[in-house]
Amino acid sequence: EVQLVEFGGGLVQAGGSLTISCAASGLTFDDYAIGWFRQAPGKEREGVSCISSIAGTTYYEDSVKGRFTISSDNAKNTVYLQMNTLKPEDTAVYYCAAEYWGICSPKRPDGPLFYDYWGQGTQVTVSS
């Protein structure tokens, strides 16, 4: 059974930092791109970042470039999203997802429908 579990969400003040993690099990980790998506109340789910070991690529949505960093520890089957200089508009439920043979194109990332497995989400709240 494939499982993706997010860790590390919480409440942080604007300007602060938070690192969230996604631990995967039940899949061949190296065969999957891992993406981070977020969904705020009343808004559509949007892609934030992704990483592909197969293609050696990463992607960042424009609003998080320079503030968020995605990394992968393949030995631990875990992907991290380090979030710095957080803003209230970053408040959302953050989900990780796995796409089989995903390549995380820096210019044209795959949308949510391309992803095969999803975690349950972790809440990130940034107070002003």
Foldseek 3Di string as FASTA:
>chain_A
DKAWAKDWADEAAAQAKTKMKIAIDDDQLLQKKKWKWWDDPPDDIDTAKIAHNVQRDMAGDPVQPPFWDWDDDSVRNMIMIIGGNDDQVVWTWMKMFIAGNANHDHVDHDDPVRTDDIHPTDTHGYHD
